[in-house]
Amino acid sequence: MTVTDKKSLGRRGEDLACRALKKERYKILAKNWRCRQGEIDIVAEDRDKVLCFVEVKARSGTGFGLPEESVTPWKQKRLISIAYSYIESVKRAEGDLRFDVAAVDLVTGGVRIIRNAFEEKS
């Protein structure tokens, strides 16, 4: 699989995730937000105004495990760091925030939104 193929599959996964999030009444604030530390797939606000950082993981099969299993502790730590960069850059007041994972099945188009998929370790 080429890099272009992976990018288009990733984009398709993100589009499906955004659709599912909107159906759950999330407001999409940013897609593919980048900073020095990396990228967050989707930044959204849920219906309770909680700031949600959503990592999209898409799979076309279970040969490599469930999509959410690929969000390792290392990746979680990095996403938390990126989330704080986002909050700082948009000058948002500290408030409730959450880390979700959107597990996308590229074959069926199904999306499972895993709320509070992980938390910041103090």
C-alpha atoms as a PDB file:
ATOM      1  CA  MET A   1       0.000   0.000   0.000  1.00  0.00           C
ATOM      2  CA  THR A   2       1.396   3.392  -1.000  1.00  0.00           C
ATOM      3  CA  VAL A   3       1.538   6.515   1.157  1.00  0.00           C
ATOM      4  CA  THR A   4      -1.174   8.060  -1.054  1.00  0.00           C
ATOM      5  CA  ASP A   5      -3.439   5.052  -0.456  1.00  0.00           C
ATOM      6  CA  LYS A   6      -2.902   5.306   3.309  1.00  0.00           C
ATOM      7  CA  LYS A   7      -3.647   9.031   3.276  1.00  0.00           C
ATOM      8  CA  SER A   8      -6.878   8.574   1.338  1.00  0.00           C
ATOM      9  CA  LEU A   9      -7.971   5.755   3.681  1.00  0.00           C
ATOM     10  CA  GLY A  10      -7.104   7.979   6.638  1.00  0.00           C
ATOM     11  CA  ARG A  11      -9.116  10.831   5.162  1.00  0.00           C
ATOM     12  CA  ARG A  12     -12.057   8.497   4.562  1.00  0.00           C
ATOM     13  CA  GLY A  13     -11.852   7.317   8.183  1.00  0.00           C
ATOM     14  CA  GLU A  14     -11.788  10.920   9.413  1.00  0.00           C
ATOM     15  CA  ASP A  15     -14.765  11.865   7.231  1.00  0.00           C
ATOM     16  CA  LEU A  16     -16.778   8.910   8.580  1.00  0.00           C
ATOM     17  CA  ALA A  17     -15.747   9.834  12.137  1.00  0.00           C
ATOM     18  CA  CYS A  18     -16.812  13.475  11.652  1.00  0.00           C
ATOM     19  CA  ARG A  19     -20.193  12.340  10.338  1.00  0.00           C
ATOM     20  CA  ALA A  20     -20.678  10.069  13.358  1.00  0.00           C
ATOM     21  CA  LEU A  21     -19.608  12.807  15.769  1.00  0.00           C
ATOM     22  CA  LYS A  22     -22.012  15.315  14.187  1.00  0.00           C
ATOM     23  CA  LYS A  23     -24.808  12.763  14.488  1.00  0.00           C
ATOM     24  CA  GLU A  24     -24.001  12.630  18.236  1.00  0.00           C
ATOM     25  CA  ARG A  25     -24.269  16.454  18.252  1.00  0.00           C
ATOM     26  CA  TYR A  26     -20.558  17.181  18.573  1.00  0.00           C
ATOM     27  CA  LYS A  27     -19.446  20.500  17.076  1.00  0.00           C
ATOM     28  CA  ILE A  28     -16.275  20.044  14.996  1.00  0.00           C
ATOM     29  CA  LEU A  29     -13.783  22.811  15.862  1.00  0.00           C
ATOM     30  CA  ALA A  30     -10.730  21.605  13.924  1.00  0.00           C
ATOM     31  CA  LYS A  31      -9.540  18.731  11.743  1.00  0.00           C
ATOM     32  CA  ASN A  32      -5.914  17.656  11.452  1.00  0.00           C
ATOM     33  CA  TRP A  33      -4.700  20.350  13.845  1.00  0.00           C
ATOM     34  CA  ARG A  34      -0.911  20.447  13.795  1.00  0.00           C
ATOM     35  CA  CYS A  35       1.801  21.786  16.054  1.00  0.00           C
ATOM     36  CA  ARG A  36       5.454  21.007  16.740  1.00  0.00           C
ATOM     37  CA  GLN A  37       4.595  17.840  18.721  1.00  0.00           C
ATOM     38  CA  GLY A  38       2.333  16.360  16.048  1.00  0.00           C
ATOM     39  CA  GLU A  39      -1.289  16.295  14.971  1.00  0.00           C
ATOM     40  CA  ILE A  40      -4.717  15.748  16.463  1.00  0.00           C
ATOM     41  CA  ASP A  41      -7.227  14.260  14.028  1.00  0.00           C
ATOM     42  CA  ILE A  42     -10.354  16.022  15.312  1.00  0.00           C
ATOM     43  CA  VAL A  43     -10.985  18.654  17.952  1.00  0.00           C
ATOM     44  CA  ALA A  44     -14.652  18.924  18.865  1.00  0.00           C
ATOM     45  CA  GLU A  45     -17.030  20.074  21.531  1.00  0.00           C
ATOM     46  CA  ASP A  46     -19.698  17.661  22.736  1.00  0.00           C
ATOM     47  CA  ARG A  47     -23.260  18.701  23.557  1.00  0.00           C
ATOM     48  CA  ASP A  48     -22.192  19.481  27.156  1.00  0.00           C
ATOM     49  CA  LYS A  49     -19.462  21.860  25.883  1.00  0.00           C
ATOM     50  CA  VAL A  50     -16.680  19.442  26.894  1.00  0.00           C
ATOM     51  CA  LEU A  51     -13.616  19.901  24.689  1.00  0.00           C
ATOM     52  CA  CYS A  52     -12.919  16.536  23.028  1.00  0.00           C
ATOM     53  CA  PHE A  53      -9.710  15.500  21.328  1.00  0.00           C
ATOM     54  CA  VAL A  54     -10.550  12.629  19.001  1.00  0.00           C
ATOM     55  CA  GLU A  55      -7.979  10.199  17.635  1.00  0.00           C
ATOM     56  CA  VAL A  56      -9.357   8.430  14.554  1.00  0.00           C
ATOM     57  CA  LYS A  57      -8.227   4.853  13.980  1.00  0.00           C
ATOM     58  CA  ALA A  58      -9.495   3.148  10.858  1.00  0.00           C
ATOM     59  CA  ARG A  59      -9.149  -0.495   9.854  1.00  0.00           C
ATOM     60  CA  SER A  60     -10.348  -2.585   6.962  1.00  0.00           C
ATOM     61  CA  GLY A  61     -10.053  -5.799   8.953  1.00  0.00           C
ATOM     62  CA  THR A  62      -9.113  -7.188  12.358  1.00  0.00           C
ATOM     63  CA  GLY A  63      -5.817  -8.758  11.296  1.00  0.00           C
ATOM     64  CA  PHE A  64      -3.926  -6.122  13.251  1.00  0.00           C
ATOM     65  CA  GLY A  65      -6.365  -6.008  16.171  1.00  0.00           C
ATOM     66  CA  LEU A  66      -9.058  -3.520  17.048  1.00  0.00           C
ATOM     67  CA  PRO A  67      -8.459   0.053  15.888  1.00  0.00           C
ATOM     68  CA  GLU A  68      -8.427   1.483  19.420  1.00  0.00           C
ATOM     69  CA  GLU A  69      -5.682  -0.943  20.473  1.00  0.00           C
ATOM     70  CA  SER A  70      -3.187   1.045  18.407  1.00  0.00           C
ATOM     71  CA  VAL A  71      -3.488   4.095  20.700  1.00  0.00           C
ATOM     72  CA  THR A  72      -0.503   3.119  22.841  1.00  0.00           C
ATOM     73  CA  PRO A  73       0.515   4.789  26.130  1.00  0.00           C
ATOM     74  CA  TRP A  74       3.254   6.624  24.180  1.00  0.00           C
ATOM     75  CA  LYS A  75       0.675   7.917  21.668  1.00  0.00           C
ATOM     76  CA  GLN A  76      -1.662   8.921  24.518  1.00  0.00           C
ATOM     77  CA  LYS A  77       1.075  10.973  26.166  1.00  0.00           C
ATOM     78  CA  ARG A  78       1.820  12.696  22.882  1.00  0.00           C
ATOM     79  CA  LEU A  79      -1.870  13.446  22.230  1.00  0.00           C
ATOM     80  CA  ILE A  80      -2.204  14.984  25.705  1.00  0.00           C
ATOM     81  CA  SER A  81       0.779  17.234  25.007  1.00  0.00           C
ATOM     82  CA  ILE A  82      -0.676  18.276  21.633  1.00  0.00           C
ATOM     83  CA  ALA A  83      -4.065  18.952  23.275  1.00  0.00           C
ATOM     84  CA  TYR A  84      -2.488  21.428  25.681  1.00  0.00           C
ATOM     85  CA  SER A  85      -0.740  23.145  22.758  1.00  0.00           C
ATOM     86  CA  TYR A  86      -4.133  23.483  21.064  1.00  0.00           C
ATOM     87  CA  ILE A  87      -5.753  24.949  24.197  1.00  0.00           C
ATOM     88  CA  GLU A  88      -2.902  27.446  24.519  1.00  0.00           C
ATOM     89  CA  SER A  89      -2.953  28.416  20.840  1.00  0.00           C
ATOM     90  CA  VAL A  90      -6.699  29.148  20.761  1.00  0.00           C
ATOM     91  CA  LYS A  91      -6.570  30.874  24.161  1.00  0.00           C
ATOM     92  CA  ARG A  92      -9.305  28.670  25.518  1.00  0.00           C
ATOM     93  CA  ALA A  93      -9.888  28.832  29.256  1.00  0.00           C
ATOM     94  CA  GLU A  94      -9.095  25.629  31.136  1.00  0.00           C
ATOM     95  CA  GLY A  95     -12.240  23.582  31.383  1.00  0.00           C
ATOM     96  CA  ASP A  96     -13.471  20.056  30.976  1.00  0.00           C
ATOM     97  CA  LEU A  97     -11.619  18.091  28.353  1.00  0.00           C
ATOM     98  CA  ARG A  98     -11.698  14.508  27.244  1.00  0.00           C
ATOM     99  CA  PHE A  99      -9.806  12.135  24.971  1.00  0.00           C
ATOM    100  CA  ASP A 100     -11.958   9.996  22.693  1.00  0.00           C
ATOM    101  CA  VAL A 101     -11.122   7.445  20.024  1.00  0.00           C
ATOM    102  CA  ALA A 102     -13.212   6.993  16.897  1.00  0.00           C
ATOM    103  CA  ALA A 103     -12.779   3.375  15.788  1.00  0.00           C
ATOM    104  CA  VAL A 104     -13.739   3.169  12.129  1.00  0.00           C
ATOM    105  CA  ASP A 105     -14.498  -0.001  10.174  1.00  0.00           C
ATOM    106  CA  LEU A 106     -13.656   0.926   6.581  1.00  0.00           C
ATOM    107  CA  VAL A 107     -15.487  -2.120   5.213  1.00  0.00           C
ATOM    108  CA  THR A 108     -18.891  -1.389   6.781  1.00  0.00           C
ATOM    109  CA  GLY A 109     -18.451   2.346   7.349  1.00  0.00           C
ATOM    110  CA  GLY A 110     -19.342   1.781  11.005  1.00  0.00           C
ATOM    111  CA  VAL A 111     -17.891   4.075  13.674  1.00  0.00           C
ATOM    112  CA  ARG A 112     -17.643   3.426  17.418  1.00  0.00           C
ATOM    113  CA  ILE A 113     -16.967   6.521  19.475  1.00  0.00           C
ATOM    114  CA  ILE A 114     -15.096   5.519  22.614  1.00  0.00           C
ATOM    115  CA  ARG A 115     -15.561   8.335  25.092  1.00  0.00           C
ATOM    116  CA  ASN A 116     -12.845   8.819  27.689  1.00  0.00           C
ATOM    117  CA  ALA A 117     -10.684   6.289  25.867  1.00  0.00           C
ATOM    118  CA  PHE A 118      -7.800   7.386  28.080  1.00  0.00           C
ATOM    119  CA  GLU A 119      -7.046   9.992  30.689  1.00  0.00           C
ATOM    120  CA  GLU A 120      -4.153  12.203  31.557  1.00  0.00           C
ATOM    121  CA  LYS A 121      -1.915  10.554  34.115  1.00  0.00           C
ATOM    122  CA  SER A 122      -1.024  12.921  36.950  1.00  0.00           C
END
